Amino acid sequence: MTDPEQQGEDPRAPRRTLILVVVTMSIGALLYRYLMHHDPLWQSSAMFIGIPAVLAILLSFSPRAKTVTGGIIKGLTLALLILAPILGEGYLCILMASPLFYAVGISVGRLIDLSRGERKNTILCVAVVLLPLSLEGVVPELTFSRGQTVEATQIVEGSLGDVQRSLASSPRVNTQLPRFLQIGFPRPLMASGEGLNEGNLRVIHFAGAEGDPPGDLVMRVEESRPGYVRFTAVSDTSKLTQWIRWRGSEVSWRSIDGNHTGVRWRIAFDRQLDPAWYFTPWERMAVRQAASFLIAANASPR
């Protein structure tokens, strides 16, 4: 017996599909603009789960898709491709969030495909389930702990005195960044400050991004003793605050032999993006690579 949905193609279907896609993208754009101008909504799950959930639910009404999942994937792909050039350097956010967008879209589509005869009820259930997941970070009561600590260790060529003199010098920013940090994060352009006495400052000047101006991360030596120094963040006006907020870092070094020194660089920061289960691994990986970069750039003898 022929499926009624396959007896013939509605000649109005292409027009309806186009209208649905235009309406969906317009609603998505309005939600994006609203969330971007309201702290802390633009860093919350309302942005990274709420928006893809709304887009997926709207696209699930597409009359031309053979499967709801296929229609949602096509619509999300089109939306991301259109947004990427508009956002310019903001493509980094698109790149990092796209797996989450697709995960939400595919989950919605598969649930609807598996219960096609009760599409409206299924969509309602999906919306009820995704709503609480979209509220993480919107209010403090629905926010998981943001505090994170990561570290990197390396053995560098040089004595204890060589490493200490290198750390006491002004930071170097011309060392090549790790690959992950080259995908669009603000780059350090210059740095100033020297000394390991308590109160000495380090100022790292970062390039701007996504239309925002350059900014400075200011660190102060809070504690210093032989083989150990602790820096505390004084202020941060760089674009990095979109992803993380520096709290401080600890550097310790010990002699391996006369020509080699083991260095450990530990960084404490606050995760800025939600949901935690998705963004925490990304941010920890980025900061861990930053710690390795700092060892190579600032602890390795010159």
Protein backbone atom coordinates (compact mmCIF):
# COMPACT_ATOMS: atom_id res chain seq x y z
CA MET A 1 0.00 0.00 0.00
CA THR A 2 1.39 3.39 -0.92
CA ASP A 3 2.23 5.77 1.89
CA PRO A 4 -0.06 8.82 1.58
CA GLU A 5 2.98 11.03 2.09
CA GLN A 6 4.57 9.50 -1.05
CA GLN A 7 1.54 9.59 -3.38
CA GLY A 8 2.69 12.81 -4.94
CA GLU A 9 4.64 15.87 -4.15
CA ASP A 10 2.71 18.95 -3.14
CA PRO A 11 3.60 21.64 -5.70
CA ARG A 12 3.46 24.18 -2.89
CA ALA A 13 6.03 22.31 -0.82
CA PRO A 14 9.14 24.12 -2.17
CA ARG A 15 7.59 27.50 -1.40
CA ARG A 16 6.54 26.38 2.07
CA THR A 17 10.01 25.03 2.74
CA LEU A 18 11.62 28.31 1.67
CA ILE A 19 9.26 30.31 3.85
CA LEU A 20 9.93 28.00 6.80
CA VAL A 21 13.72 28.32 6.39
CA VAL A 22 13.50 32.13 6.12
CA VAL A 23 11.26 32.37 9.18
CA THR A 24 13.49 29.97 11.14
CA MET A 25 16.65 31.90 10.33
CA SER A 26 14.98 35.21 11.17
CA ILE A 27 13.86 33.90 14.55
CA GLY A 28 17.32 32.44 15.16
CA ALA A 29 18.95 35.77 14.28
CA LEU A 30 16.60 37.69 16.60
CA LEU A 31 17.30 35.28 19.47
CA TYR A 32 21.04 35.54 18.83
CA ARG A 33 21.00 39.35 18.83
CA TYR A 34 18.89 39.43 21.98
CA LEU A 35 21.11 37.03 23.90
CA MET A 36 24.31 38.73 22.71
CA HIS A 37 23.21 42.01 24.29
CA HIS A 38 22.19 40.59 27.66
CA ASP A 39 24.78 39.34 30.15
CA PRO A 40 25.17 36.56 31.06
CA LEU A 41 22.71 35.06 28.55
CA TRP A 42 25.14 35.13 25.60
CA GLN A 43 27.52 32.81 27.47
CA SER A 44 24.82 30.49 28.80
CA SER A 45 23.09 27.34 27.60
CA ALA A 46 20.29 29.57 26.32
CA MET A 47 22.68 30.45 23.49
CA PHE A 48 24.26 27.07 22.81
CA ILE A 49 21.33 24.71 23.50
CA GLY A 50 18.30 27.00 23.44
CA ILE A 51 18.90 28.46 19.97
CA PRO A 52 19.68 25.14 18.22
CA ALA A 53 16.66 23.59 19.97
CA VAL A 54 14.36 26.34 18.65
CA LEU A 55 15.86 26.07 15.15
CA ALA A 56 15.54 22.27 15.15
CA ILE A 57 11.92 22.34 16.31
CA LEU A 58 10.96 24.91 13.67
CA LEU A 59 12.82 23.04 10.91
CA SER A 60 11.07 19.81 11.91
CA PHE A 61 7.94 21.15 10.19
CA SER A 62 9.67 21.14 6.79
CA PRO A 63 7.26 19.55 4.25
CA ARG A 64 9.96 18.37 1.80
CA ALA A 65 12.41 16.45 3.95
CA LYS A 66 12.33 12.64 3.58
CA THR A 67 13.23 12.50 7.27
CA VAL A 68 12.88 15.17 9.89
CA THR A 69 16.52 14.62 10.88
CA GLY A 70 17.70 15.27 7.32
CA GLY A 71 15.70 18.48 7.07
CA ILE A 72 17.05 19.74 10.38
CA ILE A 73 20.67 18.98 9.44
CA LYS A 74 20.30 20.77 6.10
CA GLY A 75 18.67 23.79 7.74
CA LEU A 76 21.30 24.03 10.50
CA THR A 77 24.12 23.70 7.99
CA LEU A 78 22.66 26.49 5.88
CA ALA A 79 22.23 28.70 8.95
CA LEU A 80 25.82 28.12 10.11
CA LEU A 81 27.24 28.76 6.63
CA ILE A 82 25.36 32.05 6.41
CA LEU A 83 26.34 33.15 9.93
CA ALA A 84 30.07 32.36 9.63
CA PRO A 85 31.02 35.13 7.13
CA ILE A 86 28.75 37.62 8.88
CA LEU A 87 30.50 37.05 12.22
CA GLY A 88 33.99 37.39 10.74
CA GLU A 89 36.44 36.35 13.45
CA GLY A 90 33.43 35.05 15.36
CA TYR A 91 33.72 31.89 13.28
CA LEU A 92 35.63 30.49 16.27
CA CYS A 93 32.40 30.43 18.26
CA ILE A 94 30.65 28.77 15.31
CA LEU A 95 33.44 26.20 15.05
CA MET A 96 33.37 25.34 18.76
CA ALA A 97 29.58 25.32 19.07
CA SER A 98 28.68 23.55 15.80
CA PRO A 99 29.01 19.99 17.23
CA LEU A 100 26.59 21.01 19.98
CA PHE A 101 24.17 22.49 17.43
CA TYR A 102 24.22 19.29 15.39
CA ALA A 103 23.89 17.09 18.49
CA VAL A 104 20.75 18.95 19.57
CA GLY A 105 19.36 18.99 16.04
CA ILE A 106 19.96 15.28 15.41
CA SER A 107 18.50 14.35 18.80
CA VAL A 108 15.33 16.31 18.09
CA GLY A 109 15.07 14.90 14.57
CA ARG A 110 15.58 11.29 15.57
CA LEU A 111 12.97 11.46 18.31
CA ILE A 112 10.43 12.90 15.87
CA ASP A 113 11.32 10.40 13.13
CA LEU A 114 10.83 7.50 15.53
CA SER A 115 7.33 8.70 16.46
CA ARG A 116 6.18 10.24 13.19
CA GLY A 117 2.52 9.54 13.80
CA GLU A 118 2.51 11.76 16.89
CA ARG A 119 4.75 14.57 15.74
CA LYS A 120 3.08 17.40 17.64
CA ASN A 121 3.10 15.50 20.95
CA THR A 122 6.73 14.50 20.40
CA ILE A 123 7.78 18.09 19.65
CA LEU A 124 6.02 19.25 22.80
CA CYS A 125 7.85 16.61 24.87
CA VAL A 126 11.18 17.55 23.27
CA ALA A 127 10.60 21.22 24.08
CA VAL A 128 9.77 20.37 27.71
CA VAL A 129 12.98 18.31 28.03
CA LEU A 130 15.26 20.86 26.35
CA LEU A 131 13.91 23.86 28.26
CA PRO A 132 15.66 23.10 31.58
CA LEU A 133 18.85 22.16 29.70
CA SER A 134 18.80 25.64 28.13
CA LEU A 135 18.74 27.43 31.49
CA GLU A 136 22.24 26.56 32.74
CA GLY A 137 24.14 29.78 33.32
CA VAL A 138 21.06 31.97 33.00
CA VAL A 139 20.80 32.35 36.78
CA PRO A 140 23.41 31.53 39.46
CA GLU A 141 21.24 28.80 40.96
CA LEU A 142 21.44 26.85 37.68
CA THR A 143 25.18 27.30 37.18
CA PHE A 144 27.80 24.66 37.90
CA SER A 145 31.12 25.62 39.50
CA ARG A 146 33.23 27.57 37.03
CA GLY A 147 36.57 27.24 38.81
CA GLN A 148 39.18 25.19 36.94
CA THR A 149 42.88 24.43 37.37
CA VAL A 150 45.18 22.88 34.79
CA GLU A 151 48.93 22.47 34.56
CA ALA A 152 51.71 21.58 32.17
CA THR A 153 55.17 20.27 32.91
CA GLN A 154 58.29 20.28 30.77
CA ILE A 155 62.00 19.68 31.13
CA VAL A 156 63.97 22.60 29.69
CA GLU A 157 67.64 22.94 28.97
CA GLY A 158 69.28 25.17 31.53
CA SER A 159 70.15 25.41 35.21
CA LEU A 160 67.92 26.62 38.03
CA GLY A 161 69.51 30.06 37.75
CA ASP A 162 68.92 30.17 33.99
CA VAL A 163 65.22 29.42 34.42
CA GLN A 164 64.84 31.98 37.20
CA ARG A 165 66.52 34.69 35.11
CA SER A 166 64.26 33.86 32.18
CA LEU A 167 61.13 34.09 34.32
CA ALA A 168 62.32 37.40 35.74
CA SER A 169 62.65 38.89 32.26
CA SER A 170 59.86 40.53 30.28
CA PRO A 171 57.56 37.86 28.73
CA ARG A 172 58.24 36.82 25.15
CA VAL A 173 55.30 36.74 22.76
CA ASN A 174 57.06 35.85 19.51
CA THR A 175 57.17 32.11 20.28
CA GLN A 176 54.88 30.11 18.00
CA LEU A 177 51.50 29.35 19.53
CA PRO A 178 50.24 25.75 19.78
CA ARG A 179 48.00 24.76 16.88
CA PHE A 180 44.74 24.82 18.81
CA LEU A 181 45.40 28.38 19.97
CA GLN A 182 45.94 29.45 16.35
CA ILE A 183 42.36 28.75 15.23
CA GLY A 184 41.10 32.22 16.15
CA PHE A 185 41.83 33.05 19.79
CA PRO A 186 43.19 36.57 20.40
CA ARG A 187 46.97 36.59 19.90
CA PRO A 188 49.45 38.22 22.28
CA LEU A 189 51.06 41.14 20.46
CA MET A 190 53.46 42.53 23.02
CA ALA A 191 54.34 42.25 26.70
CA SER A 192 56.09 44.28 29.36
CA GLY A 193 57.17 43.99 32.98
CA GLU A 194 59.97 42.13 34.69
CA GLY A 195 61.24 40.97 38.06
CA LEU A 196 60.12 38.29 40.52
CA ASN A 197 59.73 40.49 43.56
CA GLU A 198 56.28 40.74 45.13
CA GLY A 199 54.32 43.49 43.41
CA ASN A 200 56.13 43.28 40.06
CA LEU A 201 53.69 43.42 37.14
CA ARG A 202 53.37 41.67 33.79
CA VAL A 203 51.21 43.25 31.08
CA ILE A 204 50.29 41.18 28.01
CA HIS A 205 48.64 43.09 25.16
CA PHE A 206 46.24 40.95 23.08
CA ALA A 207 44.81 41.61 19.63
CA GLY A 208 41.11 42.37 19.34
CA ALA A 209 38.56 40.01 17.81
CA GLU A 210 35.01 40.07 16.39
CA GLY A 211 35.10 43.85 16.13
CA ASP A 212 36.20 44.37 19.73
CA PRO A 213 39.36 46.43 20.41
CA PRO A 214 42.63 45.01 21.75
CA GLY A 215 42.97 44.55 25.49
CA ASP A 216 45.48 43.87 28.25
CA LEU A 217 45.86 41.08 30.78
CA VAL A 218 47.67 42.40 33.86
CA MET A 219 49.30 39.96 36.28
CA ARG A 220 51.08 40.75 39.57
CA VAL A 221 53.69 38.72 41.45
CA GLU A 222 51.85 37.77 44.63
CA GLU A 223 54.37 35.37 46.17
CA SER A 224 57.96 34.53 45.35
CA ARG A 225 60.60 32.25 46.82
CA PRO A 226 63.45 30.13 45.42
CA GLY A 227 62.01 27.73 42.86
CA TYR A 228 58.49 29.15 43.06
CA VAL A 229 56.49 32.22 41.96
CA ARG A 230 52.76 32.91 42.02
CA PHE A 231 51.03 35.46 39.79
CA THR A 232 47.55 36.90 40.43
CA ALA A 233 45.35 38.47 37.78
CA VAL A 234 44.83 42.17 38.46
CA SER A 235 42.65 42.99 35.44
CA ASP A 236 41.76 41.65 32.01
CA THR A 237 40.29 43.77 29.22
CA SER A 238 41.15 41.32 26.45
CA LYS A 239 38.68 39.35 24.35
CA LEU A 240 39.80 36.24 26.24
CA THR A 241 37.17 37.02 28.86
CA GLN A 242 34.58 35.74 26.40
CA TRP A 243 35.87 32.21 27.04
CA ILE A 244 37.82 32.27 30.29
CA ARG A 245 38.63 34.57 33.18
CA TRP A 246 42.17 34.27 34.53
CA ARG A 247 42.56 34.00 38.30
CA GLY A 248 46.29 33.39 38.50
CA SER A 249 49.15 31.02 37.85
CA GLU A 250 51.89 29.27 39.79
CA VAL A 251 55.29 28.38 38.42
CA SER A 252 57.68 25.99 40.14
CA TRP A 253 60.99 24.64 38.95
CA ARG A 254 63.46 22.04 40.23
CA SER A 255 66.84 20.82 39.11
CA ILE A 256 67.04 17.61 37.09
CA ASP A 257 70.77 17.86 36.60
CA GLY A 258 73.27 20.63 36.00
CA ASN A 259 71.91 21.39 32.53
CA HIS A 260 68.23 20.49 32.81
CA THR A 261 65.39 21.86 34.90
CA GLY A 262 61.85 20.58 35.37
CA VAL A 263 59.22 23.34 35.14
CA ARG A 264 55.57 23.11 36.15
CA TRP A 265 53.13 25.90 35.17
CA ARG A 266 49.72 25.73 36.83
CA ILE A 267 46.89 28.06 35.77
CA ALA A 268 43.66 28.76 37.67
CA PHE A 269 40.76 30.20 35.69
CA ASP A 270 36.99 30.46 35.57
CA ARG A 271 35.07 28.85 32.73
CA GLN A 272 32.82 31.43 31.08
CA LEU A 273 30.69 29.35 28.69
CA ASP A 274 27.81 26.97 29.40
CA PRO A 275 26.85 24.16 29.36
CA ALA A 276 29.70 22.97 31.57
CA TRP A 277 29.70 19.38 30.31
CA TYR A 278 30.45 20.59 26.78
CA PHE A 279 32.71 23.62 27.16
CA THR A 280 34.81 22.55 30.15
CA PRO A 281 36.92 20.06 28.12
CA TRP A 282 37.46 22.63 25.32
CA GLU A 283 38.55 25.34 27.73
CA ARG A 284 40.78 23.05 29.77
CA MET A 285 42.54 21.90 26.59
CA ALA A 286 43.09 25.50 25.47
CA VAL A 287 44.47 26.62 28.84
CA ARG A 288 46.67 23.55 29.15
CA GLN A 289 48.21 24.41 25.79
CA ALA A 290 48.61 28.00 26.99
CA ALA A 291 50.54 26.69 30.02
CA SER A 292 52.87 24.72 27.73
CA PHE A 293 53.34 27.83 25.60
CA LEU A 294 54.23 29.90 28.67
CA ILE A 295 56.91 27.40 29.70
CA ALA A 296 58.45 27.49 26.24
CA ALA A 297 58.17 31.27 25.92
CA ASN A 298 59.00 32.46 29.43
CA ALA A 299 60.67 29.71 31.45
CA SER A 300 63.04 28.32 28.82
CA PRO A 301 66.43 30.06 29.03
CA ARG A 302 66.98 32.55 26.25
